[in-house]
PDB file of N, CA and C in Angstrom:
ATOM      1  N   MET A   1     -29.921  36.455  -0.390  1.00  0.00           N
ATOM      2  CA  MET A   1     -29.386  36.210   1.029  1.00  0.00           C
ATOM      3  C   MET A   1     -27.950  35.860   0.221  1.00  0.00           C
ATOM      4  N   PRO A   2     -26.888  36.152  -0.036  1.00  0.00           N
ATOM      5  CA  PRO A   2     -25.594  36.106  -0.490  1.00  0.00           C
ATOM      6  C   PRO A   2     -24.961  34.452  -0.783  1.00  0.00           C
ATOM      7  N   PRO A   3     -24.074  33.882  -1.649  1.00  0.00           N
ATOM      8  CA  PRO A   3     -23.650  32.605  -1.041  1.00  0.00           C
ATOM      9  C   PRO A   3     -22.804  32.371  -0.342  1.00  0.00           C
ATOM     10  N   ILE A   4     -22.811  31.229   0.346  1.00  0.00           N
ATOM     11  CA  ILE A   4     -21.921  30.825   1.502  1.00  0.00           C
ATOM     12  C   ILE A   4     -20.256  30.805   0.725  1.00  0.00           C
ATOM     13  N   ARG A   5     -19.062  31.149   0.827  1.00  0.00           N
ATOM     14  CA  ARG A   5     -18.033  31.436   0.480  1.00  0.00           C
ATOM     15  C   ARG A   5     -17.011  30.109   1.155  1.00  0.00           C
ATOM     16  N   ALA A   6     -16.414  29.444   0.282  1.00  0.00           N
ATOM     17  CA  ALA A   6     -16.067  28.670   1.838  1.00  0.00           C
ATOM     18  C   ALA A   6     -14.530  29.269   1.737  1.00  0.00           C
ATOM     19  N   GLU A   7     -13.441  29.542   2.844  1.00  0.00           N
ATOM     20  CA  GLU A   7     -13.002  30.889   3.284  1.00  0.00           C
ATOM     21  C   GLU A   7     -12.190  29.890   4.564  1.00  0.00           C
ATOM     22  N   ALA A   8     -12.472  29.263   5.264  1.00  0.00           N
ATOM     23  CA  ALA A   8     -11.322  28.363   6.318  1.00  0.00           C
ATOM     24  C   ALA A   8     -10.608  27.806   5.341  1.00  0.00           C
ATOM     25  N   PRO A   9      -9.061  27.458   6.401  1.00  0.00           N
ATOM     26  CA  PRO A   9      -8.847  26.616   5.448  1.00  0.00           C
ATOM     27  C   PRO A   9      -8.320  25.347   5.264  1.00  0.00           C
ATOM     28  N   ASP A  10      -9.710  24.683   6.112  1.00  0.00           N
ATOM     29  CA  ASP A  10      -9.668  23.518   5.636  1.00  0.00           C
ATOM     30  C   ASP A  10     -10.852  22.966   4.440  1.00  0.00           C
ATOM     31  N   ASP A  11     -11.363  24.279   4.409  1.00  0.00           N
ATOM     32  CA  ASP A  11     -12.178  23.862   3.223  1.00  0.00           C
ATOM     33  C   ASP A  11     -11.750  23.744   1.632  1.00  0.00           C
ATOM     34  N   VAL A  12     -12.420  22.551   1.291  1.00  0.00           N
ATOM     35  CA  VAL A  12     -12.413  22.229   0.107  1.00  0.00           C
ATOM     36  C   VAL A  12     -12.826  23.405  -0.890  1.00  0.00           C
ATOM     37  N   ARG A  13     -11.529  23.821  -2.007  1.00  0.00           N
ATOM     38  CA  ARG A  13     -11.833  24.676  -2.464  1.00  0.00           C
ATOM     39  C   ARG A  13     -12.148  24.309  -4.112  1.00  0.00           C
ATOM     40  N   ASP A  14     -11.181  23.086  -4.846  1.00  0.00           N
ATOM     41  CA  ASP A  14     -11.462  22.021  -6.091  1.00  0.00           C
ATOM     42  C   ASP A  14     -12.032  20.637  -5.709  1.00  0.00           C
ATOM     43  N   VAL A  15     -12.643  20.195  -6.420  1.00  0.00           N
ATOM     44  CA  VAL A  15     -12.240  18.724  -6.802  1.00  0.00           C
ATOM     45  C   VAL A  15     -12.883  17.993  -8.320  1.00  0.00           C
ATOM     46  N   ILE A  16     -11.575  17.132  -8.217  1.00  0.00           N
ATOM     47  CA  ILE A  16     -11.601  16.171  -9.993  1.00  0.00           C
ATOM     48  C   ILE A  16     -11.711  15.298  -9.474  1.00  0.00           C
ATOM     49  N   PRO A  17     -13.115  13.930 -10.658  1.00  0.00           N
ATOM     50  CA  PRO A  17     -12.831  12.774 -10.112  1.00  0.00           C
ATOM     51  C   PRO A  17     -11.788  12.233 -11.246  1.00  0.00           C
ATOM     52  N   LEU A  18     -10.873  11.534 -11.149  1.00  0.00           N
ATOM     53  CA  LEU A  18      -9.689  10.542 -11.041  1.00  0.00           C
ATOM     54  C   LEU A  18     -10.851   9.264 -11.164  1.00  0.00           C
ATOM     55  N   PRO A  19      -9.843   8.455 -12.351  1.00  0.00           N
ATOM     56  CA  PRO A  19     -10.140   6.936 -12.911  1.00  0.00           C
ATOM     57  C   PRO A  19      -9.805   6.405 -11.763  1.00  0.00           C
ATOM     58  N   GLY A  20     -10.307   5.040 -11.536  1.00  0.00           N
ATOM     59  CA  GLY A  20     -10.536   4.367 -10.129  1.00  0.00           C
ATOM     60  C   GLY A  20     -11.505   4.798  -8.734  1.00  0.00           C
ATOM     61  N   TYR A  21     -11.687   5.377  -8.568  1.00  0.00           N
ATOM     62  CA  TYR A  21     -12.774   5.756  -7.476  1.00  0.00           C
ATOM     63  C   TYR A  21     -11.958   6.953  -6.942  1.00  0.00           C
ATOM     64  N   ARG A  22     -11.314   8.028  -7.343  1.00  0.00           N
ATOM     65  CA  ARG A  22     -10.102   8.700  -6.666  1.00  0.00           C
ATOM     66  C   ARG A  22     -10.492  10.021  -7.151  1.00  0.00           C
ATOM     67  N   LEU A  23      -9.620  10.768  -6.293  1.00  0.00           N
ATOM     68  CA  LEU A  23     -10.500  12.152  -6.153  1.00  0.00           C
ATOM     69  C   LEU A  23      -9.678  13.159  -6.151  1.00  0.00           C
ATOM     70  N   ALA A  24      -9.081  13.763  -6.902  1.00  0.00           N
ATOM     71  CA  ALA A  24      -7.955  15.642  -6.682  1.00  0.00           C
ATOM     72  C   ALA A  24      -8.509  16.310  -6.017  1.00  0.00           C
ATOM     73  N   VAL A  25      -7.471  17.077  -4.546  1.00  0.00           N
ATOM     74  CA  VAL A  25      -8.689  17.828  -3.924  1.00  0.00           C
ATOM     75  C   VAL A  25      -7.491  18.684  -4.034  1.00  0.00           C
ATOM     76  N   ARG A  26      -8.433  20.574  -4.307  1.00  0.00           N
ATOM     77  CA  ARG A  26      -7.105  21.193  -3.570  1.00  0.00           C
ATOM     78  C   ARG A  26      -8.247  22.439  -2.888  1.00  0.00           C
ATOM     79  N   PHE A  27      -7.802  22.347  -1.672  1.00  0.00           N
ATOM     80  CA  PHE A  27      -8.678  23.425  -0.363  1.00  0.00           C
ATOM     81  C   PHE A  27      -7.883  24.665  -0.489  1.00  0.00           C
ATOM     82  N   VAL A  28      -8.180  25.245   0.369  1.00  0.00           N
ATOM     83  CA  VAL A  28      -7.899  26.848  -0.002  1.00  0.00           C
ATOM     84  C   VAL A  28      -6.939  27.390   0.575  1.00  0.00           C
ATOM     85  N   ASP A  29      -6.514  26.511   1.497  1.00  0.00           N
ATOM     86  CA  ASP A  29      -4.882  26.651   1.604  1.00  0.00           C
ATOM     87  C   ASP A  29      -4.340  26.387   0.673  1.00  0.00           C
ATOM     88  N   GLY A  30      -4.253  25.777   0.215  1.00  0.00           N
ATOM     89  CA  GLY A  30      -3.648  25.504  -1.347  1.00  0.00           C
ATOM     90  C   GLY A  30      -3.245  23.995  -0.848  1.00  0.00           C
ATOM     91  N   THR A  31      -3.781  23.375   0.498  1.00  0.00           N
ATOM     92  CA  THR A  31      -3.000  21.812   0.489  1.00  0.00           C
ATOM     93  C   THR A  31      -3.897  21.219  -0.548  1.00  0.00           C
ATOM     94  N   SER A  32      -3.256  20.142  -1.401  1.00  0.00           N
ATOM     95  CA  SER A  32      -3.378  19.726  -2.116  1.00  0.00           C
ATOM     96  C   SER A  32      -3.466  18.126  -2.117  1.00  0.00           C
ATOM     97  N   GLY A  33      -4.079  17.208  -3.013  1.00  0.00           N
ATOM     98  CA  GLY A  33      -3.122  15.907  -2.903  1.00  0.00           C
ATOM     99  C   GLY A  33      -5.279  14.850  -3.326  1.00  0.00           C
ATOM    100  N   THR A  34      -4.028  13.684  -2.972  1.00  0.00           N
ATOM    101  CA  THR A  34      -5.402  12.265  -3.642  1.00  0.00           C
ATOM    102  C   THR A  34      -5.896  11.997  -2.608  1.00  0.00           C
ATOM    103  N   VAL A  35      -7.998  12.052  -3.044  1.00  0.00           N
ATOM    104  CA  VAL A  35      -8.664  10.916  -1.966  1.00  0.00           C
ATOM    105  C   VAL A  35      -8.928   9.699  -2.943  1.00  0.00           C
ATOM    106  N   ASP A  36      -8.519   8.470  -2.304  1.00  0.00           N
ATOM    107  CA  ASP A  36      -8.643   6.970  -2.555  1.00  0.00           C
ATOM    108  C   ASP A  36      -9.925   6.241  -2.160  1.00  0.00           C
ATOM    109  N   LEU A  37     -11.077   6.302  -2.950  1.00  0.00           N
ATOM    110  CA  LEU A  37     -12.163   6.208  -2.447  1.00  0.00           C
ATOM    111  C   LEU A  37     -12.288   4.317  -2.340  1.00  0.00           C
ATOM    112  N   SER A  38     -10.972   3.684  -3.549  1.00  0.00           N
ATOM    113  CA  SER A  38     -12.633   2.652  -4.221  1.00  0.00           C
ATOM    114  C   SER A  38     -12.192   0.988  -2.956  1.00  0.00           C
ATOM    115  N   ALA A  39     -11.258   1.812  -2.096  1.00  0.00           N
ATOM    116  CA  ALA A  39     -11.992  -0.302  -0.828  1.00  0.00           C
ATOM    117  C   ALA A  39     -13.589   0.055  -0.142  1.00  0.00           C
ATOM    118  N   ARG A  40     -13.401   1.568  -0.339  1.00  0.00           N
ATOM    119  CA  ARG A  40     -15.188   2.284   0.509  1.00  0.00           C
ATOM    120  C   ARG A  40     -15.919   2.080   0.076  1.00  0.00           C
ATOM    121  N   VAL A  41     -15.678   2.077  -1.455  1.00  0.00           N
ATOM    122  CA  VAL A  41     -17.036   1.531  -2.703  1.00  0.00           C
ATOM    123  C   VAL A  41     -16.925   0.594  -3.101  1.00  0.00           C
ATOM    124  N   ALA A  42     -15.663  -0.332  -3.179  1.00  0.00           N
ATOM    125  CA  ALA A  42     -16.527  -1.579  -2.803  1.00  0.00           C
ATOM    126  C   ALA A  42     -16.560  -2.057  -1.535  1.00  0.00           C
ATOM    127  N   SER A  43     -17.030  -1.826  -0.601  1.00  0.00           N
ATOM    128  CA  SER A  43     -16.599  -2.823   0.018  1.00  0.00           C
ATOM    129  C   SER A  43     -18.113  -3.024   0.475  1.00  0.00           C
ATOM    130  N   PRO A  44     -18.656  -4.272   1.253  1.00  0.00           N
ATOM    131  CA  PRO A  44     -19.403  -4.676   1.627  1.00  0.00           C
ATOM    132  C   PRO A  44     -20.179  -3.683   2.816  1.00  0.00           C
ATOM    133  N   LYS A  45     -19.474  -3.380   3.720  1.00  0.00           N
ATOM    134  CA  LYS A  45     -19.910  -2.127   4.801  1.00  0.00           C
ATOM    135  C   LYS A  45     -20.091  -1.044   3.890  1.00  0.00           C
ATOM    136  N   ALA A  46     -19.863  -0.434   2.380  1.00  0.00           N
ATOM    137  CA  ALA A  46     -19.620   0.369   2.614  1.00  0.00           C
ATOM    138  C   ALA A  46     -20.947   1.661   2.498  1.00  0.00           C
ATOM    139  N   GLY A  47     -22.301   1.339   2.630  1.00  0.00           N
ATOM    140  CA  GLY A  47     -23.459   2.210   3.122  1.00  0.00           C
ATOM    141  C   GLY A  47     -23.666   3.246   1.703  1.00  0.00           C
ATOM    142  N   VAL A  48     -24.017   4.262   2.019  1.00  0.00           N
ATOM    143  CA  VAL A  48     -24.317   5.188   1.176  1.00  0.00           C
ATOM    144  C   VAL A  48     -23.418   5.157   0.092  1.00  0.00           C
ATOM    145  N   PHE A  49     -22.328   4.871   0.083  1.00  0.00           N
ATOM    146  CA  PHE A  49     -21.088   5.215  -0.858  1.00  0.00           C
ATOM    147  C   PHE A  49     -21.428   4.575  -1.826  1.00  0.00           C
ATOM    148  N   ALA A  50     -22.196   3.243  -1.559  1.00  0.00           N
ATOM    149  CA  ALA A  50     -22.576   1.526  -2.544  1.00  0.00           C
ATOM    150  C   ALA A  50     -23.177   2.210  -3.267  1.00  0.00           C
ATOM    151  N   ARG A  51     -23.641   3.548  -3.333  1.00  0.00           N
ATOM    152  CA  ARG A  51     -24.646   3.885  -4.860  1.00  0.00           C
ATOM    153  C   ARG A  51     -23.272   4.627  -5.542  1.00  0.00           C
ATOM    154  N   LEU A  52     -22.104   5.230  -5.986  1.00  0.00           N
ATOM    155  CA  LEU A  52     -21.169   5.975  -5.899  1.00  0.00           C
ATOM    156  C   LEU A  52     -20.074   4.348  -7.024  1.00  0.00           C
ATOM    157  N   ARG A  53     -20.788   3.387  -6.383  1.00  0.00           N
ATOM    158  CA  ARG A  53     -19.771   2.531  -7.707  1.00  0.00           C
ATOM    159  C   ARG A  53     -20.311   2.940  -9.086  1.00  0.00           C
ATOM    160  N   ASP A  54     -21.052   3.809  -9.152  1.00  0.00           N
ATOM    161  CA  ASP A  54     -21.847   3.731 -10.637  1.00  0.00           C
ATOM    162  C   ASP A  54     -20.774   4.986 -11.566  1.00  0.00           C
ATOM    163  N   PRO A  55     -19.681   4.544 -12.402  1.00  0.00           N
ATOM    164  CA  PRO A  55     -19.010   5.687 -12.345  1.00  0.00           C
ATOM    165  C   PRO A  55     -19.839   7.589 -12.813  1.00  0.00           C
ATOM    166  N   GLU A  56     -20.387   7.274 -13.392  1.00  0.00           N
ATOM    167  CA  GLU A  56     -21.849   8.151 -13.388  1.00  0.00           C
ATOM    168  C   GLU A  56     -22.127   8.902 -12.104  1.00  0.00           C
ATOM    169  N   MET A  57     -22.221   8.239 -11.199  1.00  0.00           N
ATOM    170  CA  MET A  57     -22.542   8.882 -10.162  1.00  0.00           C
ATOM    171  C   MET A  57     -21.544   9.430  -9.308  1.00  0.00           C
ATOM    172  N   PHE A  58     -20.231   8.738  -9.199  1.00  0.00           N
ATOM    173  CA  PHE A  58     -19.152   8.771  -8.797  1.00  0.00           C
ATOM    174  C   PHE A  58     -19.135  10.588  -9.151  1.00  0.00           C
ATOM    175  N   ALA A  59     -18.640  10.461 -10.568  1.00  0.00           N
ATOM    176  CA  ALA A  59     -18.324  11.343 -11.582  1.00  0.00           C
ATOM    177  C   ALA A  59     -18.975  12.616 -11.430  1.00  0.00           C
ATOM    178  N   ARG A  60     -20.727  12.583 -10.643  1.00  0.00           N
ATOM    179  CA  ARG A  60     -20.674  14.113 -10.287  1.00  0.00           C
ATOM    180  C   ARG A  60     -20.313  14.700  -9.036  1.00  0.00           C
ATOM    181  N   VAL A  61     -19.177  14.086  -8.736  1.00  0.00           N
ATOM    182  CA  VAL A  61     -18.945  14.641  -7.800  1.00  0.00           C
ATOM    183  C   VAL A  61     -18.420  16.293  -7.523  1.00  0.00           C
ATOM    184  N   TYR A  62     -19.299  17.299  -6.589  1.00  0.00           N
ATOM    185  CA  TYR A  62     -19.144  19.022  -6.501  1.00  0.00           C
ATOM    186  C   TYR A  62     -18.872  19.348  -4.833  1.00  0.00           C
ATOM    187  N   VAL A  63     -18.062  20.576  -4.902  1.00  0.00           N
ATOM    188  CA  VAL A  63     -17.794  21.070  -3.168  1.00  0.00           C
ATOM    189  C   VAL A  63     -18.808  22.394  -3.186  1.00  0.00           C
ATOM    190  N   GLU A  64     -19.670  21.851  -1.894  1.00  0.00           N
ATOM    191  CA  GLU A  64     -20.565  21.793  -1.052  1.00  0.00           C
ATOM    192  C   GLU A  64     -20.605  22.774  -0.016  1.00  0.00           C
ATOM    193  N   HIS A  65     -20.437  24.592   0.140  1.00  0.00           N
ATOM    194  CA  HIS A  65     -20.249  24.406   1.563  1.00  0.00           C
ATOM    195  C   HIS A  65     -18.516  23.861   2.414  1.00  0.00           C
ATOM    196  N   GLY A  66     -17.754  24.305   1.222  1.00  0.00           N
ATOM    197  CA  GLY A  66     -16.171  23.832   1.942  1.00  0.00           C
ATOM    198  C   GLY A  66     -16.027  22.024   1.542  1.00  0.00           C
ATOM    199  N   ALA A  67     -17.005  21.365   0.838  1.00  0.00           N
ATOM    200  CA  ALA A  67     -17.012  20.099   1.200  1.00  0.00           C
ATOM    201  C   ALA A  67     -16.982  19.323  -0.003  1.00  0.00           C
ATOM    202  N   VAL A  68     -16.596  18.064   0.064  1.00  0.00           N
ATOM    203  CA  VAL A  68     -16.363  17.303  -1.379  1.00  0.00           C
ATOM    204  C   VAL A  68     -17.956  16.593  -0.977  1.00  0.00           C
ATOM    205  N   THR A  69     -19.058  17.122  -2.312  1.00  0.00           N
ATOM    206  CA  THR A  69     -19.968  16.097  -2.099  1.00  0.00           C
ATOM    207  C   THR A  69     -20.397  15.817  -3.383  1.00  0.00           C
ATOM    208  N   TRP A  70     -21.803  14.707  -3.156  1.00  0.00           N
ATOM    209  CA  TRP A  70     -21.737  14.154  -4.672  1.00  0.00           C
ATOM    210  C   TRP A  70     -24.337  14.502  -3.987  1.00  0.00           C
ATOM    211  N   PRO A  71     -24.400  14.260  -5.025  1.00  0.00           N
ATOM    212  CA  PRO A  71     -26.380  13.872  -5.028  1.00  0.00           C
ATOM    213  C   PRO A  71     -26.232  12.763  -3.817  1.00  0.00           C
ATOM    214  N   GLY A  72     -26.984  13.410  -3.451  1.00  0.00           N
ATOM    215  CA  GLY A  72     -27.976  12.613  -2.556  1.00  0.00           C
ATOM    216  C   GLY A  72     -27.501  12.706  -0.897  1.00  0.00           C
ATOM    217  N   GLU A  73     -27.133  13.796  -0.519  1.00  0.00           N
ATOM    218  CA  GLU A  73     -26.529  14.240   0.203  1.00  0.00           C
ATOM    219  C   GLU A  73     -25.779  12.552   1.126  1.00  0.00           C
ATOM    220  N   ILE A  74     -24.343  13.051   0.043  1.00  0.00           N
ATOM    221  CA  ILE A  74     -23.517  11.712   0.767  1.00  0.00           C
ATOM    222  C   ILE A  74     -22.409  13.049   0.581  1.00  0.00           C
ATOM    223  N   ASP A  75     -21.109  12.849   1.598  1.00  0.00           N
ATOM    224  CA  ASP A  75     -19.960  13.605   1.093  1.00  0.00           C
ATOM    225  C   ASP A  75     -18.728  13.701   2.496  1.00  0.00           C
ATOM    226  N   LEU A  76     -18.179  14.377   2.870  1.00  0.00           N
ATOM    227  CA  LEU A  76     -17.224  13.897   2.954  1.00  0.00           C
ATOM    228  C   LEU A  76     -16.792  15.030   3.785  1.00  0.00           C
ATOM    229  N   ALA A  77     -15.743  14.429   5.207  1.00  0.00           N
ATOM    230  CA  ALA A  77     -15.511  15.534   6.115  1.00  0.00           C
ATOM    231  C   ALA A  77     -13.857  16.363   6.087  1.00  0.00           C
ATOM    232  N   PRO A  78     -14.522  17.593   5.490  1.00  0.00           N
ATOM    233  CA  PRO A  78     -13.311  17.777   4.715  1.00  0.00           C
ATOM    234  C   PRO A  78     -11.928  18.275   5.629  1.00  0.00           C
ATOM    235  N   ASP A  79     -12.116  18.148   7.708  1.00  0.00           N
ATOM    236  CA  ASP A  79     -11.425  18.649   8.287  1.00  0.00           C
ATOM    237  C   ASP A  79     -10.509  17.185   8.184  1.00  0.00           C
ATOM    238  N   VAL A  80     -10.797  16.231   8.766  1.00  0.00           N
ATOM    239  CA  VAL A  80     -10.125  14.807   8.191  1.00  0.00           C
ATOM    240  C   VAL A  80      -9.555  15.201   7.237  1.00  0.00           C
ATOM    241  N   MET A  81      -9.708  15.081   5.792  1.00  0.00           N
ATOM    242  CA  MET A  81      -9.140  15.054   4.638  1.00  0.00           C
ATOM    243  C   MET A  81      -8.419  15.940   4.865  1.00  0.00           C
ATOM    244  N   HIS A  82      -8.296  17.311   5.159  1.00  0.00           N
ATOM    245  CA  HIS A  82      -7.588  18.526   4.424  1.00  0.00           C
ATOM    246  C   HIS A  82      -5.663  17.469   5.694  1.00  0.00           C
ATOM    247  N   ALA A  83      -5.895  16.914   7.394  1.00  0.00           N
ATOM    248  CA  ALA A  83      -5.329  16.572   7.531  1.00  0.00           C
ATOM    249  C   ALA A  83      -4.336  15.214   6.845  1.00  0.00           C
ATOM    250  N   ALA A  84      -5.178  14.740   6.618  1.00  0.00           N
ATOM    251  CA  ALA A  84      -4.579  13.521   6.017  1.00  0.00           C
ATOM    252  C   ALA A  84      -4.152  13.841   5.128  1.00  0.00           C
ATOM    253  N   LEU A  85      -4.038  14.608   3.897  1.00  0.00           N
ATOM    254  CA  LEU A  85      -3.297  15.006   2.653  1.00  0.00           C
ATOM    255  C   LEU A  85      -2.241  15.940   3.636  1.00  0.00           C
ATOM    256  N   GLN A  86      -2.244  16.517   4.367  1.00  0.00           N
ATOM    257  CA  GLN A  86      -1.546  17.381   4.829  1.00  0.00           C
ATOM    258  C   GLN A  86      -0.494  16.233   5.016  1.00  0.00           C
ATOM    259  N   ARG A  87      -0.767  15.204   5.864  1.00  0.00           N
ATOM    260  CA  ARG A  87       0.153  13.869   5.912  1.00  0.00           C
ATOM    261  C   ARG A  87       1.087  13.295   5.207  1.00  0.00           C
ATOM    262  N   ALA A  88      -0.027  12.556   4.213  1.00  0.00           N
ATOM    263  CA  ALA A  88       0.475  12.239   3.478  1.00  0.00           C
ATOM    264  C   ALA A  88       0.304  12.444   1.626  1.00  0.00           C
ATOM    265  N   GLY A  89      -0.961  13.202   2.258  1.00  0.00           N
ATOM    266  CA  GLY A  89      -0.789  14.279   0.397  1.00  0.00           C
ATOM    267  C   GLY A  89      -1.700  12.666  -0.440  1.00  0.00           C
ATOM    268  N   GLU A  90      -2.547  11.625   0.662  1.00  0.00           N
ATOM    269  CA  GLU A  90      -2.784  11.150  -0.151  1.00  0.00           C
ATOM    270  C   GLU A  90      -3.758   9.895   1.179  1.00  0.00           C
ATOM    271  N   TRP A  91      -5.854  10.388   0.814  1.00  0.00           N
ATOM    272  CA  TRP A  91      -5.568   9.801   2.259  1.00  0.00           C
ATOM    273  C   TRP A  91      -6.913   9.190   1.177  1.00  0.00           C
ATOM    274  N   LYS A  92      -6.820   7.427   2.044  1.00  0.00           N
ATOM    275  CA  LYS A  92      -7.820   6.155   1.595  1.00  0.00           C
ATOM    276  C   LYS A  92      -8.360   5.495   2.415  1.00  0.00           C
ATOM    277  N   LEU A  93      -9.452   6.030   2.072  1.00  0.00           N
ATOM    278  CA  LEU A  93     -11.021   5.366   3.324  1.00  0.00           C
ATOM    279  C   LEU A  93     -10.691   3.683   3.143  1.00  0.00           C
ATOM    280  N   GLU A  94     -10.873   3.010   4.564  1.00  0.00           N
ATOM    281  CA  GLU A  94     -11.102   1.660   3.899  1.00  0.00           C
ATOM    282  C   GLU A  94     -11.892   1.294   4.219  1.00  0.00           C
ATOM    283  N   GLY A  95     -12.227   0.023   3.610  1.00  0.00           N
ATOM    284  CA  GLY A  95     -13.606   0.209   3.428  1.00  0.00           C
ATOM    285  C   GLY A  95     -14.468  -1.279   4.687  1.00  0.00           C
TER     286      GLY A  95
END
């Protein structure tokens, strides 16, 4: 079976982990910006995102099927992220 390619405008092309639980993200259509997960990761209501408190785990971020993903089936909705980055260049996930 051929690999699945991210080709929709709101599919993530690249992700780079940054200090402070932030990500640099670029989409297929060229939209790019910073995603700030610091409040979500630190929140008592972090749920599955609590696993990302470990900096080594956070740094294991990758793109799969056009979405920002971590091991353990943790991911972010690319369409919501894309809209936020188009509006403001940054997306802060609240706790």
